[in-house]
C-alpha atoms as a PDB file:
ATOM      1  CA  UNK A   1       3.907  -7.936  -3.595  1.00  0.00           C
ATOM      2  CA  UNK A   2       3.343  -4.975  -5.918  1.00  0.00           C
ATOM      3  CA  UNK A   3       6.514  -3.357  -7.227  1.00  0.00           C
ATOM      4  CA  UNK A   4       6.907  -0.335  -9.492  1.00  0.00           C
ATOM      5  CA  UNK A   5       9.768   0.596 -11.792  1.00  0.00           C
ATOM      6  CA  UNK A   6      10.657   3.826 -13.568  1.00  0.00           C
ATOM      7  CA  UNK A   7      12.875   3.649 -16.643  1.00  0.00           C
ATOM      8  CA  UNK A   8      14.631   6.790 -17.888  1.00  0.00           C
ATOM      9  CA  UNK A   9      15.790   6.503 -21.485  1.00  0.00           C
ATOM     10  CA  UNK A  10      18.481   9.169 -21.831  1.00  0.00           C
ATOM     11  CA  UNK A  11      18.847   8.859 -25.595  1.00  0.00           C
ATOM     12  CA  UNK A  12      19.476  12.103 -27.455  1.00  0.00           C
ATOM     13  CA  UNK A  13      16.665  11.079 -29.817  1.00  0.00           C
ATOM     14  CA  UNK A  14      12.997  11.819 -29.294  1.00  0.00           C
ATOM     15  CA  UNK A  15      10.470   9.013 -29.498  1.00  0.00           C
ATOM     16  CA  UNK A  16       9.910   9.888 -33.168  1.00  0.00           C
ATOM     17  CA  UNK A  17      13.175   8.060 -33.867  1.00  0.00           C
ATOM     18  CA  UNK A  18      14.298   4.502 -33.212  1.00  0.00           C
ATOM     19  CA  UNK A  19      16.471   4.178 -30.106  1.00  0.00           C
ATOM     20  CA  UNK A  20      19.096   1.487 -29.574  1.00  0.00           C
ATOM     21  CA  UNK A  21      19.049   2.318 -25.873  1.00  0.00           C
ATOM     22  CA  UNK A  22      15.292   1.756 -25.800  1.00  0.00           C
ATOM     23  CA  UNK A  23      15.729  -1.642 -27.440  1.00  0.00           C
ATOM     24  CA  UNK A  24      18.135  -2.809 -24.737  1.00  0.00           C
ATOM     25  CA  UNK A  25      15.995  -1.348 -21.956  1.00  0.00           C
ATOM     26  CA  UNK A  26      13.009  -3.287 -23.265  1.00  0.00           C
ATOM     27  CA  UNK A  27      14.884  -6.553 -22.704  1.00  0.00           C
ATOM     28  CA  UNK A  28      14.912  -5.714 -18.996  1.00  0.00           C
ATOM     29  CA  UNK A  29      11.361  -4.358 -18.992  1.00  0.00           C
ATOM     30  CA  UNK A  30      10.073  -7.645 -20.415  1.00  0.00           C
ATOM     31  CA  UNK A  31      11.437  -9.411 -17.339  1.00  0.00           C
ATOM     32  CA  UNK A  32       9.930  -6.755 -15.074  1.00  0.00           C
ATOM     33  CA  UNK A  33       6.523  -7.290 -16.661  1.00  0.00           C
ATOM     34  CA  UNK A  34       6.886 -11.080 -16.514  1.00  0.00           C
ATOM     35  CA  UNK A  35       7.350 -10.667 -12.762  1.00  0.00           C
ATOM     36  CA  UNK A  36       4.397  -8.266 -12.456  1.00  0.00           C
ATOM     37  CA  UNK A  37       6.486  -5.149 -11.908  1.00  0.00           C
ATOM     38  CA  UNK A  38       4.530  -2.149 -13.171  1.00  0.00           C
ATOM     39  CA  UNK A  39       6.872  -0.086 -15.354  1.00  0.00           C
ATOM     40  CA  UNK A  40       6.729   3.514 -16.590  1.00  0.00           C
ATOM     41  CA  UNK A  41       9.205   4.408 -19.355  1.00  0.00           C
ATOM     42  CA  UNK A  42      10.202   8.005 -20.071  1.00  0.00           C
ATOM     43  CA  UNK A  43      12.127   9.105 -23.174  1.00  0.00           C
ATOM     44  CA  UNK A  44      13.547  12.234 -21.567  1.00  0.00           C
ATOM     45  CA  UNK A  45      14.279  13.928 -24.905  1.00  0.00           C
ATOM     46  CA  UNK A  46      10.491  14.218 -25.325  1.00  0.00           C
ATOM     47  CA  UNK A  47      10.230  16.486 -22.287  1.00  0.00           C
ATOM     48  CA  UNK A  48      11.218  20.040 -21.468  1.00  0.00           C
ATOM     49  CA  UNK A  49      13.565  19.344 -18.568  1.00  0.00           C
ATOM     50  CA  UNK A  50      15.334  22.464 -17.418  1.00  0.00           C
ATOM     51  CA  UNK A  51      18.905  22.587 -16.174  1.00  0.00           C
ATOM     52  CA  UNK A  52      19.413  23.025 -12.450  1.00  0.00           C
ATOM     53  CA  UNK A  53      19.963  21.349  -9.111  1.00  0.00           C
ATOM     54  CA  UNK A  54      16.360  21.330  -7.930  1.00  0.00           C
ATOM     55  CA  UNK A  55      13.353  19.021  -7.991  1.00  0.00           C
ATOM     56  CA  UNK A  56      11.307  21.816  -9.605  1.00  0.00           C
ATOM     57  CA  UNK A  57      12.737  24.578 -11.796  1.00  0.00           C
ATOM     58  CA  UNK A  58       9.465  26.440 -12.151  1.00  0.00           C
ATOM     59  CA  UNK A  59       7.128  27.275 -15.029  1.00  0.00           C
ATOM     60  CA  UNK A  60       7.583  25.108 -18.089  1.00  0.00           C
ATOM     61  CA  UNK A  61       9.739  22.508 -16.352  1.00  0.00           C
ATOM     62  CA  UNK A  62       8.372  19.013 -17.016  1.00  0.00           C
ATOM     63  CA  UNK A  63      10.692  17.179 -14.635  1.00  0.00           C
ATOM     64  CA  UNK A  64       8.367  17.426 -11.570  1.00  0.00           C
ATOM     65  CA  UNK A  65       5.799  14.984 -13.016  1.00  0.00           C
ATOM     66  CA  UNK A  66       8.559  12.445 -13.744  1.00  0.00           C
ATOM     67  CA  UNK A  67      10.119  13.068 -10.361  1.00  0.00           C
ATOM     68  CA  UNK A  68       6.803  12.329  -8.655  1.00  0.00           C
ATOM     69  CA  UNK A  69       6.828   8.871 -10.253  1.00  0.00           C
ATOM     70  CA  UNK A  70      10.419   8.340  -9.108  1.00  0.00           C
ATOM     71  CA  UNK A  71       9.467   9.233  -5.532  1.00  0.00           C
ATOM     72  CA  UNK A  72       6.758   6.563  -5.663  1.00  0.00           C
ATOM     73  CA  UNK A  73       8.803   3.842  -7.364  1.00  0.00           C
ATOM     74  CA  UNK A  74      10.807   0.909  -6.011  1.00  0.00           C
ATOM     75  CA  UNK A  75      13.192   0.499  -8.973  1.00  0.00           C
ATOM     76  CA  UNK A  76      14.942   3.114 -11.097  1.00  0.00           C
ATOM     77  CA  UNK A  77      16.657   2.049 -14.324  1.00  0.00           C
ATOM     78  CA  UNK A  78      18.675   4.569 -16.322  1.00  0.00           C
ATOM     79  CA  UNK A  79      19.617   3.878 -19.940  1.00  0.00           C
ATOM     80  CA  UNK A  80      22.146   5.923 -21.897  1.00  0.00           C
ATOM     81  CA  UNK A  81      23.994   5.873 -25.193  1.00  0.00           C
ATOM     82  CA  UNK A  82      27.717   6.577 -25.304  1.00  0.00           C
ATOM     83  CA  UNK A  83      29.110   9.705 -26.915  1.00  0.00           C
ATOM     84  CA  UNK A  84      32.844  10.425 -26.751  1.00  0.00           C
ATOM     85  CA  UNK A  85      33.154   7.572 -24.265  1.00  0.00           C
ATOM     86  CA  UNK A  86      30.744   9.183 -21.797  1.00  0.00           C
ATOM     87  CA  UNK A  87      27.104   8.940 -20.776  1.00  0.00           C
ATOM     88  CA  UNK A  88      24.842  11.275 -22.714  1.00  0.00           C
ATOM     89  CA  UNK A  89      24.194  14.889 -21.745  1.00  0.00           C
ATOM     90  CA  UNK A  90      20.595  13.867 -21.082  1.00  0.00           C
ATOM     91  CA  UNK A  91      21.784  11.258 -18.561  1.00  0.00           C
ATOM     92  CA  UNK A  92      23.937  13.903 -16.884  1.00  0.00           C
ATOM     93  CA  UNK A  93      20.917  16.194 -16.729  1.00  0.00           C
ATOM     94  CA  UNK A  94      18.795  13.428 -15.165  1.00  0.00           C
ATOM     95  CA  UNK A  95      21.441  12.756 -12.508  1.00  0.00           C
ATOM     96  CA  UNK A  96      21.652  16.465 -11.692  1.00  0.00           C
ATOM     97  CA  UNK A  97      17.888  16.726 -11.326  1.00  0.00           C
ATOM     98  CA  UNK A  98      17.814  13.593  -9.148  1.00  0.00           C
ATOM     99  CA  UNK A  99      20.520  15.178  -7.017  1.00  0.00           C
ATOM    100  CA  UNK A 100      18.368  18.299  -6.797  1.00  0.00           C
ATOM    101  CA  UNK A 101      15.690  16.293  -4.987  1.00  0.00           C
ATOM    102  CA  UNK A 102      18.044  14.415  -2.667  1.00  0.00           C
ATOM    103  CA  UNK A 103      17.484  16.787   0.266  1.00  0.00           C
ATOM    104  CA  UNK A 104      13.854  15.649   0.502  1.00  0.00           C
ATOM    105  CA  UNK A 105      13.017  12.979   3.068  1.00  0.00           C
ATOM    106  CA  UNK A 106      10.629  10.079   3.492  1.00  0.00           C
ATOM    107  CA  UNK A 107       8.177   9.679   6.371  1.00  0.00           C
ATOM    108  CA  UNK A 108      11.006   8.408   8.600  1.00  0.00           C
ATOM    109  CA  UNK A 109      13.220  11.403   7.923  1.00  0.00           C
ATOM    110  CA  UNK A 110      15.574   9.447   5.683  1.00  0.00           C
ATOM    111  CA  UNK A 111      16.666  10.578   2.241  1.00  0.00           C
ATOM    112  CA  UNK A 112      13.847  10.297  -0.303  1.00  0.00           C
ATOM    113  CA  UNK A 113      15.707   7.627  -2.322  1.00  0.00           C
ATOM    114  CA  UNK A 114      16.214   5.245   0.605  1.00  0.00           C
ATOM    115  CA  UNK A 115      14.811   1.740   0.011  1.00  0.00           C
ATOM    116  CA  UNK A 116      14.849   2.203  -3.756  1.00  0.00           C
ATOM    117  CA  UNK A 117      17.190   0.234  -6.011  1.00  0.00           C
ATOM    118  CA  UNK A 118      18.928   1.396  -9.164  1.00  0.00           C
ATOM    119  CA  UNK A 119      20.534  -0.029 -12.306  1.00  0.00           C
ATOM    120  CA  UNK A 120      21.929   1.116 -15.655  1.00  0.00           C
ATOM    121  CA  UNK A 121      21.961   0.035 -19.321  1.00  0.00           C
ATOM    122  CA  UNK A 122      24.364   1.404 -21.947  1.00  0.00           C
ATOM    123  CA  UNK A 123      24.619   1.147 -25.735  1.00  0.00           C
ATOM    124  CA  UNK A 124      27.167   2.523 -28.190  1.00  0.00           C
ATOM    125  CA  UNK A 125      29.878   1.950 -30.776  1.00  0.00           C
ATOM    126  CA  UNK A 126      32.876   2.897 -28.662  1.00  0.00           C
ATOM    127  CA  UNK A 127      34.650   2.307 -25.376  1.00  0.00           C
ATOM    128  CA  UNK A 128      33.188   3.849 -22.252  1.00  0.00           C
ATOM    129  CA  UNK A 129      30.403   1.494 -21.144  1.00  0.00           C
ATOM    130  CA  UNK A 130      31.999   0.637 -17.814  1.00  0.00           C
ATOM    131  CA  UNK A 131      32.915   4.262 -17.259  1.00  0.00           C
ATOM    132  CA  UNK A 132      29.300   5.328 -17.821  1.00  0.00           C
ATOM    133  CA  UNK A 133      27.986   2.515 -15.587  1.00  0.00           C
ATOM    134  CA  UNK A 134      30.427   3.419 -12.828  1.00  0.00           C
ATOM    135  CA  UNK A 135      29.522   7.095 -12.988  1.00  0.00           C
ATOM    136  CA  UNK A 136      25.766   6.543 -12.898  1.00  0.00           C
ATOM    137  CA  UNK A 137      25.790   3.826 -10.240  1.00  0.00           C
ATOM    138  CA  UNK A 138      28.063   5.860  -7.972  1.00  0.00           C
ATOM    139  CA  UNK A 139      25.755   8.856  -8.360  1.00  0.00           C
ATOM    140  CA  UNK A 140      22.725   6.757  -7.452  1.00  0.00           C
ATOM    141  CA  UNK A 141      24.262   5.235  -4.351  1.00  0.00           C
ATOM    142  CA  UNK A 142      25.630   8.632  -3.271  1.00  0.00           C
ATOM    143  CA  UNK A 143      22.141  10.138  -3.179  1.00  0.00           C
ATOM    144  CA  UNK A 144      20.567   7.193  -1.355  1.00  0.00           C
ATOM    145  CA  UNK A 145      19.669   4.450  -3.809  1.00  0.00           C
ATOM    146  CA  UNK A 146      20.690   0.884  -3.034  1.00  0.00           C
ATOM    147  CA  UNK A 147      22.734  -0.746  -5.803  1.00  0.00           C
ATOM    148  CA  UNK A 148      22.477  -4.574  -5.927  1.00  0.00           C
ATOM    149  CA  UNK A 149      25.228  -6.693  -7.504  1.00  0.00           C
ATOM    150  CA  UNK A 150      25.514  -6.927 -11.291  1.00  0.00           C
ATOM    151  CA  UNK A 151      22.963  -4.254 -12.123  1.00  0.00           C
ATOM    152  CA  UNK A 152      24.539  -3.029 -15.326  1.00  0.00           C
ATOM    153  CA  UNK A 153      24.261  -4.304 -18.858  1.00  0.00           C
ATOM    154  CA  UNK A 154      25.796  -2.878 -21.985  1.00  0.00           C
ATOM    155  CA  UNK A 155      26.339  -3.454 -25.674  1.00  0.00           C
ATOM    156  CA  UNK A 156      29.127  -1.810 -27.646  1.00  0.00           C
ATOM    157  CA  UNK A 157      29.809  -2.805 -31.217  1.00  0.00           C
ATOM    158  CA  UNK A 158      32.976  -2.389 -33.209  1.00  0.00           C
ATOM    159  CA  UNK A 159      34.717   0.923 -32.621  1.00  0.00           C
ATOM    160  CA  UNK A 160      33.770   3.636 -35.064  1.00  0.00           C
ATOM    161  CA  UNK A 161      30.838   3.936 -37.472  1.00  0.00           C
ATOM    162  CA  UNK A 162      28.858   0.781 -38.002  1.00  0.00           C
ATOM    163  CA  UNK A 163      25.701  -1.064 -36.999  1.00  0.00           C
ATOM    164  CA  UNK A 164      24.332  -0.291 -33.544  1.00  0.00           C
ATOM    165  CA  UNK A 165      22.359  -2.492 -31.140  1.00  0.00           C
ATOM    166  CA  UNK A 166      19.223  -2.938 -33.228  1.00  0.00           C
ATOM    167  CA  UNK A 167      20.849  -3.374 -36.638  1.00  0.00           C
ATOM    168  CA  UNK A 168      23.573  -5.627 -35.197  1.00  0.00           C
ATOM    169  CA  UNK A 169      20.944  -7.811 -33.496  1.00  0.00           C
ATOM    170  CA  UNK A 170      22.347  -7.174 -30.054  1.00  0.00           C
ATOM    171  CA  UNK A 171      19.461  -9.149 -28.618  1.00  0.00           C
ATOM    172  CA  UNK A 172      21.409 -12.234 -29.706  1.00  0.00           C
ATOM    173  CA  UNK A 173      24.540 -11.190 -27.807  1.00  0.00           C
ATOM    174  CA  UNK A 174      24.738 -13.622 -24.886  1.00  0.00           C
ATOM    175  CA  UNK A 175      26.952 -11.482 -22.622  1.00  0.00           C
ATOM    176  CA  UNK A 176      24.635  -8.496 -22.912  1.00  0.00           C
ATOM    177  CA  UNK A 177      21.480 -10.557 -22.481  1.00  0.00           C
ATOM    178  CA  UNK A 178      22.917 -12.506 -19.533  1.00  0.00           C
ATOM    179  CA  UNK A 179      23.695  -9.252 -17.760  1.00  0.00           C
ATOM    180  CA  UNK A 180      20.276  -7.847 -18.615  1.00  0.00           C
ATOM    181  CA  UNK A 181      18.661 -10.888 -16.980  1.00  0.00           C
ATOM    182  CA  UNK A 182      20.917 -10.690 -13.923  1.00  0.00           C
ATOM    183  CA  UNK A 183      20.165  -6.998 -13.533  1.00  0.00           C
ATOM    184  CA  UNK A 184      16.403  -7.421 -13.821  1.00  0.00           C
ATOM    185  CA  UNK A 185      16.175 -10.263 -11.314  1.00  0.00           C
ATOM    186  CA  UNK A 186      18.627  -8.706  -8.839  1.00  0.00           C
ATOM    187  CA  UNK A 187      16.759  -5.403  -8.927  1.00  0.00           C
ATOM    188  CA  UNK A 188      13.444  -7.178  -8.312  1.00  0.00           C
ATOM    189  CA  UNK A 189      14.889  -9.361  -5.559  1.00  0.00           C
ATOM    190  CA  UNK A 190      16.435  -6.545  -3.547  1.00  0.00           C
ATOM    191  CA  UNK A 191      13.459  -4.256  -4.111  1.00  0.00           C
ATOM    192  CA  UNK A 192      11.258  -6.930  -2.513  1.00  0.00           C
ATOM    193  CA  UNK A 193      13.628  -7.260   0.436  1.00  0.00           C
ATOM    194  CA  UNK A 194      13.660  -3.499   1.037  1.00  0.00           C
ATOM    195  CA  UNK A 195       9.880  -3.346   0.700  1.00  0.00           C
ATOM    196  CA  UNK A 196       9.481  -5.915   3.478  1.00  0.00           C
ATOM    197  CA  UNK A 197      12.521  -4.872   5.508  1.00  0.00           C
ATOM    198  CA  UNK A 198      13.323  -1.196   4.890  1.00  0.00           C
ATOM    199  CA  UNK A 199      16.602   0.291   6.065  1.00  0.00           C
ATOM    200  CA  UNK A 200      16.173   1.293   9.737  1.00  0.00           C
ATOM    201  CA  UNK A 201      15.893   4.995  10.461  1.00  0.00           C
ATOM    202  CA  UNK A 202      18.297   4.805  13.392  1.00  0.00           C
ATOM    203  CA  UNK A 203      21.566   6.367  12.339  1.00  0.00           C
ATOM    204  CA  UNK A 204      20.155   7.158   8.896  1.00  0.00           C
ATOM    205  CA  UNK A 205      18.069  10.263   9.447  1.00  0.00           C
ATOM    206  CA  UNK A 206      18.987  13.216   7.254  1.00  0.00           C
ATOM    207  CA  UNK A 207      20.194  16.333   9.070  1.00  0.00           C
END
């Protein structure tokens, strides 16, 4: 079975800079690739993504090309750093743009995100990981994504300034890595189920 995944890295840094969020996301992507899940990764800070609640904000907006990949994917993984205990502004922007496309429907008349699964990864040096996970996962399920169990992983170091995921060798942190593995395999498992047995249209057709 061929599965596709889209990964949105919502770091505030462009790809010219090292990203702790990217490093954690790659732990999950390695498992995707091991299980033959084709994965496209987008560092959203590299793109001109306009503010708005729409799938296309017109000339110069680079979200539509990313959104097209999301419409075609089976798995969506959102990664964000923490700032002031919250998901990044880029993650908020991504959620708003996803919401802007939620009125679209699939060939059965269901919401466009039906039969897709979602997960989240968070890095930072402060409290707020569970808050960010809760916020993003609720947003995904609200607009139609299916959220399997244990599809969040996070790494937060000591509070305040100090080494972040890469410098602190977060890849050795068993709790974070265990949850990364659980997330990857649970996303793949449920994506396969929904591919073979999609949610019935009866009672689930958008108005």
